[in-house]
Amino acid sequence: MKPNITYKSVIPKGLSLKKRNEFFHSLDKQSQRLEIAWDSLQLVLSGMKGTRGAYWDKALDPYKKNLQFVNSTELQEYLNSVEPSKCAVCARGAIMCSTIRLGNKLSFAKHNSSCMNGIAESVDKLKSLTAFSTDSLRRMEAEYESSNYNHPFAHNTRNKLMNILCNILVNGDFNEKDKTNYLIS
């Protein structure tokens, strides 16, 4: 299955990480959501899998790999370098990963607890980091993990994740009322 959408990224290719961050943050919130969903969809199309019970699997969690970062730019560089086919994410994890990859403004501190818990808490608290509301993130996660809104595809699957990302690309944000199948064989 592959997406049946026509969206194309507006972020120019070949920008340095700093320039890409600046460009991303110059976009309005809806355009940021579209870029985040597009980046996430590209990761899934490159082989990233869906998972449940963790935002990211151990391949993306630098602390589980004993990688320590001094600042959030190093974390952003790490997330941009990870091979997608070796990773798995849930819907919220895909959004968090792409948000940091595209326009990192995460306030960073070394966490004694789980890296993911610290990142998730930071994403929830920093309105400037994500263009998605906490409510939108919760609704897409509820659809991904439990099929709460009865969208196409089985929950916790790659196809479900791709369809949610396509839903965002078509609607500008996750629309639980839009039950369109955006994938074709």
N, C-alpha and C. Protein backbone atom coordinates (compact mmCIF):
# COMPACT_ATOMS: atom_id res chain seq x y z
N MET A 1 0.85 -1.18 0.00
CA MET A 1 0.00 0.00 0.00
C MET A 1 0.89 1.24 0.00
N LYS A 2 0.40 2.26 -0.71
CA LYS A 2 1.11 3.52 -0.71
C LYS A 2 0.10 4.67 -0.69
N PRO A 3 0.54 5.85 -0.28
CA PRO A 3 -0.38 7.00 -0.17
C PRO A 3 -0.87 7.46 -1.53
N ASN A 4 -2.11 7.90 -1.55
CA ASN A 4 -2.71 8.46 -2.76
C ASN A 4 -2.98 9.94 -2.50
N ILE A 5 -1.90 10.70 -2.31
CA ILE A 5 -2.01 12.14 -2.05
C ILE A 5 -0.98 12.86 -2.92
N THR A 6 -1.14 14.17 -3.04
CA THR A 6 -0.27 14.94 -3.93
C THR A 6 0.58 15.97 -3.20
N TYR A 7 0.59 15.99 -1.88
CA TYR A 7 1.35 17.00 -1.13
C TYR A 7 2.84 16.92 -1.47
N LYS A 8 3.49 18.08 -1.54
CA LYS A 8 4.94 18.17 -1.71
C LYS A 8 5.47 19.15 -0.67
N SER A 9 6.59 18.83 -0.08
CA SER A 9 7.21 19.67 0.94
C SER A 9 7.61 21.02 0.35
N VAL A 10 7.47 22.07 1.16
CA VAL A 10 7.89 23.41 0.75
C VAL A 10 9.27 23.75 1.29
N ILE A 11 9.84 22.89 2.12
CA ILE A 11 11.17 23.15 2.69
C ILE A 11 12.21 22.87 1.60
N PRO A 12 13.02 23.88 1.27
CA PRO A 12 14.04 23.68 0.23
C PRO A 12 15.04 22.59 0.63
N LYS A 13 15.42 21.79 -0.31
CA LYS A 13 16.42 20.74 -0.05
C LYS A 13 17.80 21.37 0.07
N GLY A 14 18.68 20.70 0.81
CA GLY A 14 20.07 21.12 0.91
C GLY A 14 20.36 22.21 1.93
N LEU A 15 19.35 22.60 2.73
CA LEU A 15 19.60 23.61 3.76
C LEU A 15 20.39 23.01 4.91
N SER A 16 21.21 23.82 5.54
CA SER A 16 21.87 23.37 6.77
C SER A 16 20.80 23.15 7.82
N LEU A 17 21.14 22.42 8.87
CA LEU A 17 20.19 22.16 9.94
C LEU A 17 19.67 23.47 10.54
N LYS A 18 20.55 24.42 10.76
CA LYS A 18 20.15 25.71 11.32
C LYS A 18 19.19 26.44 10.40
N LYS A 19 19.50 26.49 9.10
CA LYS A 19 18.63 27.17 8.13
C LYS A 19 17.30 26.45 7.97
N ARG A 20 17.33 25.12 8.01
CA ARG A 20 16.08 24.37 7.91
C ARG A 20 15.20 24.65 9.12
N ASN A 21 15.80 24.69 10.32
CA ASN A 21 15.05 25.03 11.53
C ASN A 21 14.40 26.41 11.38
N GLU A 22 15.18 27.37 10.92
CA GLU A 22 14.67 28.74 10.75
C GLU A 22 13.53 28.76 9.73
N PHE A 23 13.69 28.06 8.61
CA PHE A 23 12.65 28.02 7.60
C PHE A 23 11.39 27.39 8.17
N PHE A 24 11.56 26.25 8.85
CA PHE A 24 10.41 25.56 9.44
C PHE A 24 9.64 26.48 10.38
N HIS A 25 10.35 27.21 11.23
CA HIS A 25 9.68 28.08 12.21
C HIS A 25 9.12 29.35 11.59
N SER A 26 9.47 29.64 10.34
CA SER A 26 8.86 30.78 9.66
C SER A 26 7.49 30.42 9.09
N LEU A 27 7.17 29.13 9.04
CA LEU A 27 5.89 28.67 8.51
C LEU A 27 4.79 28.86 9.54
N ASP A 28 3.54 29.03 9.07
CA ASP A 28 2.41 29.07 10.00
C ASP A 28 2.18 27.68 10.57
N LYS A 29 1.39 27.57 11.61
CA LYS A 29 1.20 26.30 12.33
C LYS A 29 0.64 25.20 11.42
N GLN A 30 -0.31 25.54 10.55
CA GLN A 30 -0.86 24.51 9.67
C GLN A 30 0.22 24.01 8.71
N SER A 31 1.01 24.90 8.16
CA SER A 31 2.09 24.48 7.26
C SER A 31 3.12 23.63 8.00
N GLN A 32 3.38 23.95 9.27
CA GLN A 32 4.28 23.13 10.07
C GLN A 32 3.70 21.73 10.26
N ARG A 33 2.38 21.64 10.54
CA ARG A 33 1.75 20.33 10.70
C ARG A 33 1.89 19.51 9.42
N LEU A 34 1.71 20.15 8.28
CA LEU A 34 1.83 19.45 7.00
C LEU A 34 3.26 18.94 6.79
N GLU A 35 4.24 19.76 7.10
CA GLU A 35 5.63 19.35 6.94
C GLU A 35 5.99 18.21 7.89
N ILE A 36 5.48 18.26 9.11
CA ILE A 36 5.72 17.20 10.09
C ILE A 36 5.10 15.89 9.59
N ALA A 37 3.85 15.96 9.15
CA ALA A 37 3.17 14.76 8.64
C ALA A 37 3.89 14.22 7.41
N TRP A 38 4.34 15.10 6.53
CA TRP A 38 5.06 14.68 5.32
C TRP A 38 6.36 13.99 5.70
N ASP A 39 7.13 14.57 6.62
CA ASP A 39 8.39 13.95 7.04
C ASP A 39 8.11 12.58 7.66
N SER A 40 7.10 12.50 8.52
CA SER A 40 6.75 11.23 9.14
C SER A 40 6.36 10.19 8.10
N LEU A 41 5.56 10.61 7.13
CA LEU A 41 5.13 9.70 6.07
C LEU A 41 6.34 9.20 5.27
N GLN A 42 7.29 10.09 4.98
CA GLN A 42 8.49 9.67 4.25
C GLN A 42 9.29 8.66 5.06
N LEU A 43 9.35 8.84 6.38
CA LEU A 43 10.05 7.87 7.23
C LEU A 43 9.36 6.50 7.17
N VAL A 44 8.03 6.50 7.23
CA VAL A 44 7.29 5.23 7.17
C VAL A 44 7.49 4.59 5.79
N LEU A 45 7.44 5.38 4.74
CA LEU A 45 7.66 4.84 3.39
C LEU A 45 9.08 4.32 3.22
N SER A 46 10.01 4.83 4.02
CA SER A 46 11.40 4.37 3.99
C SER A 46 11.62 3.14 4.87
N GLY A 47 10.55 2.63 5.45
CA GLY A 47 10.66 1.39 6.21
C GLY A 47 10.39 1.48 7.69
N MET A 48 10.16 2.68 8.22
CA MET A 48 9.86 2.78 9.65
C MET A 48 8.55 2.03 9.92
N LYS A 49 8.52 1.31 11.01
CA LYS A 49 7.38 0.47 11.34
C LYS A 49 6.54 1.12 12.44
N GLY A 50 5.35 0.60 12.63
CA GLY A 50 4.50 1.02 13.72
C GLY A 50 4.76 0.17 14.94
N THR A 51 4.58 0.76 16.11
CA THR A 51 4.73 0.04 17.37
C THR A 51 3.68 0.52 18.35
N ARG A 52 3.52 -0.18 19.45
CA ARG A 52 2.58 0.21 20.49
C ARG A 52 3.27 0.07 21.82
N GLY A 53 2.93 0.94 22.74
CA GLY A 53 3.47 0.83 24.09
C GLY A 53 4.70 1.67 24.33
N ALA A 54 5.23 2.30 23.29
CA ALA A 54 6.37 3.20 23.43
C ALA A 54 6.28 4.21 22.30
N TYR A 55 6.69 5.44 22.58
CA TYR A 55 6.69 6.45 21.52
C TYR A 55 7.63 6.03 20.40
N TRP A 56 8.84 5.63 20.79
CA TRP A 56 9.85 5.17 19.85
C TRP A 56 10.40 3.86 20.37
N ASP A 57 10.85 3.02 19.48
CA ASP A 57 11.50 1.79 19.94
C ASP A 57 12.96 2.09 20.27
N LYS A 58 13.67 1.08 20.72
CA LYS A 58 15.04 1.27 21.21
C LYS A 58 15.99 1.79 20.13
N ALA A 59 15.70 1.56 18.85
CA ALA A 59 16.59 2.05 17.79
C ALA A 59 16.63 3.58 17.74
N LEU A 60 15.54 4.24 18.16
CA LEU A 60 15.50 5.70 18.16
C LEU A 60 15.83 6.31 19.51
N ASP A 61 15.74 5.54 20.57
CA ASP A 61 15.97 6.09 21.91
C ASP A 61 17.46 6.12 22.20
N PRO A 62 18.08 7.29 22.13
CA PRO A 62 19.53 7.36 22.29
C PRO A 62 20.01 6.92 23.67
N TYR A 63 19.18 7.08 24.68
CA TYR A 63 19.62 6.70 26.02
C TYR A 63 19.70 5.18 26.17
N LYS A 64 18.86 4.47 25.44
CA LYS A 64 18.93 3.01 25.47
C LYS A 64 20.16 2.52 24.72
N LYS A 65 20.72 3.39 23.87
CA LYS A 65 21.96 3.06 23.18
C LYS A 65 23.16 3.67 23.90
N ASN A 66 22.92 4.24 25.08
CA ASN A 66 23.95 4.88 25.89
C ASN A 66 24.61 6.06 25.19
N LEU A 67 23.84 6.77 24.39
CA LEU A 67 24.34 7.99 23.75
C LEU A 67 23.91 9.18 24.61
N GLN A 68 24.86 10.00 24.97
CA GLN A 68 24.58 11.18 25.79
C GLN A 68 24.77 12.42 24.93
N PHE A 69 23.86 13.36 25.03
CA PHE A 69 23.94 14.58 24.25
C PHE A 69 24.10 15.77 25.17
N VAL A 70 24.88 16.72 24.73
CA VAL A 70 25.09 17.94 25.50
C VAL A 70 23.94 18.91 25.25
N ASN A 71 23.40 18.89 24.02
CA ASN A 71 22.32 19.82 23.70
C ASN A 71 21.33 19.19 22.73
N SER A 72 20.25 19.89 22.51
CA SER A 72 19.18 19.34 21.68
C SER A 72 19.55 19.29 20.20
N THR A 73 20.49 20.12 19.77
CA THR A 73 20.94 20.04 18.37
C THR A 73 21.58 18.70 18.09
N GLU A 74 22.33 18.18 19.05
CA GLU A 74 22.94 16.86 18.88
C GLU A 74 21.86 15.78 18.78
N LEU A 75 20.79 15.91 19.57
CA LEU A 75 19.68 14.97 19.48
C LEU A 75 19.01 15.08 18.11
N GLN A 76 18.83 16.30 17.62
CA GLN A 76 18.23 16.49 16.30
C GLN A 76 19.10 15.86 15.22
N GLU A 77 20.40 16.06 15.29
CA GLU A 77 21.30 15.45 14.31
C GLU A 77 21.22 13.93 14.37
N TYR A 78 21.13 13.39 15.58
CA TYR A 78 21.00 11.94 15.75
C TYR A 78 19.72 11.42 15.08
N LEU A 79 18.59 12.08 15.34
CA LEU A 79 17.31 11.63 14.77
C LEU A 79 17.29 11.76 13.25
N ASN A 80 18.04 12.70 12.71
CA ASN A 80 18.14 12.83 11.26
C ASN A 80 19.05 11.79 10.64
N SER A 81 19.87 11.13 11.46
CA SER A 81 20.83 10.16 10.92
C SER A 81 20.40 8.70 11.07
N VAL A 82 19.37 8.44 11.85
CA VAL A 82 18.95 7.07 12.12
C VAL A 82 18.31 6.45 10.88
N GLU A 83 18.64 5.20 10.61
CA GLU A 83 18.07 4.47 9.47
C GLU A 83 16.61 4.11 9.78
N PRO A 84 15.62 4.68 9.03
CA PRO A 84 14.21 4.44 9.33
C PRO A 84 13.81 2.96 9.38
N SER A 85 14.38 2.13 8.52
CA SER A 85 13.95 0.73 8.46
C SER A 85 14.31 -0.04 9.72
N LYS A 86 15.14 0.52 10.57
CA LYS A 86 15.53 -0.16 11.81
C LYS A 86 14.72 0.34 13.00
N CYS A 87 13.70 1.19 12.75
CA CYS A 87 12.98 1.86 13.83
C CYS A 87 11.48 1.60 13.77
N ALA A 88 10.83 1.84 14.90
CA ALA A 88 9.38 1.75 14.98
C ALA A 88 8.88 2.89 15.87
N VAL A 89 7.70 3.41 15.53
CA VAL A 89 7.09 4.51 16.27
C VAL A 89 5.59 4.28 16.38
N CYS A 90 4.98 4.94 17.36
CA CYS A 90 3.52 5.03 17.39
C CYS A 90 3.15 6.32 16.67
N ALA A 91 1.89 6.66 16.60
CA ALA A 91 1.49 7.88 15.89
C ALA A 91 2.09 9.11 16.54
N ARG A 92 1.99 9.20 17.84
CA ARG A 92 2.54 10.36 18.55
C ARG A 92 4.07 10.38 18.44
N GLY A 93 4.69 9.22 18.49
CA GLY A 93 6.13 9.13 18.35
C GLY A 93 6.61 9.61 16.99
N ALA A 94 5.85 9.27 15.95
CA ALA A 94 6.20 9.73 14.60
C ALA A 94 6.17 11.25 14.54
N ILE A 95 5.12 11.84 15.12
CA ILE A 95 4.99 13.30 15.12
C ILE A 95 6.12 13.94 15.94
N MET A 96 6.42 13.38 17.11
CA MET A 96 7.51 13.93 17.93
C MET A 96 8.84 13.83 17.21
N CYS A 97 9.13 12.69 16.61
CA CYS A 97 10.39 12.49 15.91
C CYS A 97 10.54 13.50 14.76
N SER A 98 9.51 13.64 13.95
CA SER A 98 9.60 14.55 12.81
C SER A 98 9.60 16.01 13.25
N THR A 99 8.90 16.33 14.32
CA THR A 99 8.93 17.70 14.84
C THR A 99 10.35 18.09 15.22
N ILE A 100 11.04 17.21 15.91
CA ILE A 100 12.42 17.49 16.32
C ILE A 100 13.34 17.49 15.10
N ARG A 101 13.13 16.54 14.18
CA ARG A 101 13.97 16.46 12.98
C ARG A 101 13.89 17.75 12.14
N LEU A 102 12.69 18.35 12.06
CA LEU A 102 12.47 19.49 11.17
C LEU A 102 12.74 20.84 11.79
N GLY A 103 12.42 21.01 13.04
CA GLY A 103 12.49 22.37 13.59
C GLY A 103 12.76 22.40 15.07
N ASN A 104 13.71 21.63 15.50
CA ASN A 104 14.03 21.46 16.91
C ASN A 104 14.10 22.78 17.68
N LYS A 105 13.25 22.88 18.69
CA LYS A 105 13.35 23.96 19.67
C LYS A 105 13.18 23.36 21.07
N LEU A 106 13.54 22.12 21.19
CA LEU A 106 13.40 21.40 22.44
C LEU A 106 14.37 21.94 23.47
N SER A 107 13.86 22.32 24.64
CA SER A 107 14.78 22.69 25.71
C SER A 107 15.31 21.38 26.25
N PHE A 108 16.58 21.27 26.32
CA PHE A 108 17.21 19.98 26.55
C PHE A 108 17.91 19.95 27.89
N ALA A 109 17.69 18.86 28.59
CA ALA A 109 18.42 18.61 29.83
C ALA A 109 18.64 17.12 29.90
N LYS A 110 19.74 16.72 30.49
CA LYS A 110 19.97 15.29 30.67
C LYS A 110 18.94 14.77 31.66
N HIS A 111 18.29 13.70 31.28
CA HIS A 111 17.24 13.13 32.12
C HIS A 111 17.78 11.90 32.83
N ASN A 112 17.51 11.81 34.10
CA ASN A 112 17.91 10.62 34.84
C ASN A 112 16.96 9.47 34.57
N SER A 113 15.72 9.81 34.22
CA SER A 113 14.75 8.77 33.89
C SER A 113 14.80 8.50 32.40
N SER A 114 13.78 7.88 31.88
CA SER A 114 13.73 7.53 30.47
C SER A 114 13.84 8.77 29.58
N CYS A 115 14.67 8.67 28.57
CA CYS A 115 14.82 9.76 27.60
C CYS A 115 13.47 10.08 26.98
N MET A 116 12.71 9.08 26.62
CA MET A 116 11.44 9.31 25.94
C MET A 116 10.47 10.03 26.85
N ASN A 117 10.42 9.66 28.14
CA ASN A 117 9.53 10.37 29.04
C ASN A 117 9.91 11.83 29.12
N GLY A 118 11.19 12.12 29.18
CA GLY A 118 11.65 13.50 29.23
C GLY A 118 11.32 14.25 27.96
N ILE A 119 11.52 13.63 26.81
CA ILE A 119 11.21 14.28 25.54
C ILE A 119 9.71 14.47 25.41
N ALA A 120 8.93 13.46 25.75
CA ALA A 120 7.47 13.58 25.65
C ALA A 120 6.96 14.69 26.56
N GLU A 121 7.48 14.78 27.78
CA GLU A 121 7.07 15.86 28.68
C GLU A 121 7.44 17.21 28.11
N SER A 122 8.63 17.32 27.53
CA SER A 122 9.06 18.58 26.94
C SER A 122 8.18 18.96 25.75
N VAL A 123 7.85 17.99 24.91
CA VAL A 123 6.99 18.26 23.76
C VAL A 123 5.62 18.73 24.22
N ASP A 124 5.07 18.08 25.24
CA ASP A 124 3.76 18.48 25.75
C ASP A 124 3.78 19.89 26.33
N LYS A 125 4.89 20.27 26.98
CA LYS A 125 4.95 21.56 27.66
C LYS A 125 5.34 22.71 26.74
N LEU A 126 6.09 22.42 25.68
CA LEU A 126 6.57 23.49 24.82
C LEU A 126 5.63 23.71 23.64
N LYS A 127 4.79 24.70 23.73
CA LYS A 127 3.86 24.99 22.65
C LYS A 127 4.61 25.42 21.39
N SER A 128 5.80 26.00 21.56
CA SER A 128 6.56 26.46 20.39
C SER A 128 7.17 25.30 19.61
N LEU A 129 7.26 24.12 20.24
CA LEU A 129 7.89 23.00 19.56
C LEU A 129 6.96 22.35 18.56
N THR A 130 5.72 22.21 18.89
CA THR A 130 4.83 21.48 18.00
C THR A 130 3.66 22.33 17.54
N ALA A 131 3.28 22.10 16.32
CA ALA A 131 2.13 22.79 15.74
C ALA A 131 0.84 22.05 16.07
N PHE A 132 0.96 20.85 16.63
CA PHE A 132 -0.21 20.04 16.98
C PHE A 132 -0.62 20.32 18.42
N SER A 133 -1.91 20.42 18.65
CA SER A 133 -2.40 20.56 20.03
C SER A 133 -2.29 19.21 20.73
N THR A 134 -2.25 19.24 22.04
CA THR A 134 -2.21 18.01 22.82
C THR A 134 -3.45 17.17 22.51
N ASP A 135 -4.61 17.82 22.33
CA ASP A 135 -5.84 17.11 22.00
C ASP A 135 -5.73 16.40 20.66
N SER A 136 -5.16 17.05 19.67
CA SER A 136 -4.98 16.43 18.35
C SER A 136 -4.05 15.22 18.45
N LEU A 137 -2.95 15.36 19.19
CA LEU A 137 -2.03 14.24 19.38
C LEU A 137 -2.73 13.06 20.06
N ARG A 138 -3.55 13.34 21.05
CA ARG A 138 -4.27 12.27 21.76
C ARG A 138 -5.28 11.57 20.85
N ARG A 139 -5.98 12.35 20.01
CA ARG A 139 -6.97 11.76 19.10
C ARG A 139 -6.30 10.86 18.07
N MET A 140 -5.18 11.31 17.49
CA MET A 140 -4.52 10.46 16.48
C MET A 140 -3.93 9.23 17.14
N GLU A 141 -3.46 9.37 18.37
CA GLU A 141 -2.92 8.21 19.09
C GLU A 141 -4.04 7.22 19.43
N ALA A 142 -5.21 7.75 19.82
CA ALA A 142 -6.35 6.87 20.12
C ALA A 142 -6.80 6.11 18.88
N GLU A 143 -6.75 6.75 17.73
CA GLU A 143 -7.10 6.06 16.49
C GLU A 143 -6.03 5.02 16.14
N TYR A 144 -4.78 5.38 16.30
CA TYR A 144 -3.70 4.46 15.94
C TYR A 144 -3.70 3.23 16.85
N GLU A 145 -3.81 3.44 18.15
CA GLU A 145 -3.67 2.32 19.08
C GLU A 145 -4.97 1.55 19.33
N SER A 146 -6.12 2.20 19.16
CA SER A 146 -7.37 1.52 19.53
C SER A 146 -8.48 1.62 18.49
N SER A 147 -8.22 2.28 17.38
CA SER A 147 -9.24 2.50 16.35
C SER A 147 -10.50 3.15 16.93
N ASN A 148 -10.31 4.14 17.80
CA ASN A 148 -11.44 4.80 18.47
C ASN A 148 -12.44 5.43 17.51
N TYR A 149 -11.99 5.86 16.33
CA TYR A 149 -12.87 6.56 15.40
C TYR A 149 -13.21 5.70 14.17
N ASN A 150 -12.83 4.44 14.21
CA ASN A 150 -13.16 3.48 13.15
C ASN A 150 -12.67 3.87 11.77
N HIS A 151 -11.45 4.38 11.70
CA HIS A 151 -10.83 4.67 10.41
C HIS A 151 -10.37 3.36 9.78
N PRO A 152 -10.03 3.39 8.49
CA PRO A 152 -9.57 2.17 7.82
C PRO A 152 -8.30 1.60 8.46
N PHE A 153 -8.12 0.31 8.30
CA PHE A 153 -6.94 -0.46 8.69
C PHE A 153 -6.94 -0.82 10.17
N ALA A 154 -6.29 -1.94 10.43
CA ALA A 154 -6.17 -2.45 11.80
C ALA A 154 -5.28 -1.53 12.62
N HIS A 155 -5.62 -1.42 13.91
CA HIS A 155 -4.83 -0.55 14.77
C HIS A 155 -3.40 -1.08 14.93
N ASN A 156 -2.49 -0.18 15.27
CA ASN A 156 -1.07 -0.49 15.50
C ASN A 156 -0.36 -1.04 14.27
N THR A 157 -0.78 -0.64 13.09
CA THR A 157 -0.14 -1.13 11.86
C THR A 157 0.47 0.02 11.07
N ARG A 158 1.38 -0.33 10.21
CA ARG A 158 2.02 0.63 9.32
C ARG A 158 0.97 1.34 8.45
N ASN A 159 0.01 0.59 7.91
CA ASN A 159 -1.03 1.19 7.07
C ASN A 159 -1.89 2.17 7.86
N LYS A 160 -2.23 1.83 9.09
CA LYS A 160 -3.02 2.75 9.93
C LYS A 160 -2.23 4.04 10.13
N LEU A 161 -0.94 3.92 10.44
CA LEU A 161 -0.09 5.08 10.66
C LEU A 161 -0.01 5.94 9.38
N MET A 162 0.21 5.31 8.23
CA MET A 162 0.27 6.07 6.98
C MET A 162 -1.05 6.78 6.69
N ASN A 163 -2.17 6.11 6.95
CA ASN A 163 -3.46 6.72 6.68
C ASN A 163 -3.72 7.92 7.58
N ILE A 164 -3.29 7.84 8.86
CA ILE A 164 -3.42 8.97 9.77
C ILE A 164 -2.59 10.15 9.26
N LEU A 165 -1.37 9.89 8.81
CA LEU A 165 -0.50 10.95 8.30
C LEU A 165 -1.09 11.57 7.03
N CYS A 166 -1.68 10.75 6.17
CA CYS A 166 -2.35 11.27 4.98
C CYS A 166 -3.56 12.11 5.36
N ASN A 167 -4.29 11.69 6.37
CA ASN A 167 -5.43 12.44 6.88
C ASN A 167 -4.99 13.86 7.26
N ILE A 168 -3.86 13.97 7.93
CA ILE A 168 -3.31 15.27 8.32
C ILE A 168 -2.95 16.08 7.08
N LEU A 169 -2.32 15.44 6.11
CA LEU A 169 -1.90 16.14 4.89
C LEU A 169 -3.09 16.67 4.09
N VAL A 170 -4.21 15.97 4.13
CA VAL A 170 -5.40 16.41 3.40
C VAL A 170 -6.19 17.45 4.19
N ASN A 171 -6.26 17.29 5.51
CA ASN A 171 -7.12 18.14 6.34
C ASN A 171 -6.39 19.26 7.07
N GLY A 172 -5.08 19.25 7.09
CA GLY A 172 -4.32 20.29 7.80
C GLY A 172 -4.08 19.97 9.26
N ASP A 173 -4.76 18.98 9.78
CA ASP A 173 -4.62 18.47 11.15
C ASP A 173 -5.37 17.14 11.16
N PHE A 174 -5.21 16.36 12.21
CA PHE A 174 -5.93 15.09 12.26
C PHE A 174 -7.42 15.35 12.42
N ASN A 175 -8.22 14.80 11.50
CA ASN A 175 -9.67 14.95 11.51
C ASN A 175 -10.28 13.58 11.76
N GLU A 176 -10.75 13.36 12.97
CA GLU A 176 -11.30 12.06 13.32
C GLU A 176 -12.58 11.73 12.55
N LYS A 177 -13.26 12.74 12.00
CA LYS A 177 -14.49 12.51 11.23
C LYS A 177 -14.21 12.05 9.80
N ASP A 178 -13.01 12.29 9.32
CA ASP A 178 -12.63 11.90 7.95
C ASP A 178 -12.14 10.46 7.97
N LYS A 179 -12.97 9.54 7.50
CA LYS A 179 -12.64 8.12 7.52
C LYS A 179 -12.23 7.59 6.16
N THR A 180 -11.67 8.47 5.35
CA THR A 180 -11.23 8.11 4.00
C THR A 180 -10.04 7.17 4.05
N ASN A 181 -10.02 6.21 3.14
CA ASN A 181 -8.84 5.37 2.95
C ASN A 181 -7.96 6.09 1.93
N TYR A 182 -6.82 6.62 2.40
CA TYR A 182 -5.92 7.38 1.53
C TYR A 182 -4.82 6.52 0.92
N LEU A 183 -4.89 5.22 1.07
CA LEU A 183 -3.86 4.33 0.54
C LEU A 183 -4.39 3.56 -0.65
N ILE A 184 -3.50 3.30 -1.61
CA ILE A 184 -3.85 2.49 -2.77
C ILE A 184 -2.89 1.31 -2.86
N SER A 185 -3.32 0.25 -3.53
CA SER A 185 -2.47 -0.93 -3.69
C SER A 185 -1.42 -0.70 -4.74
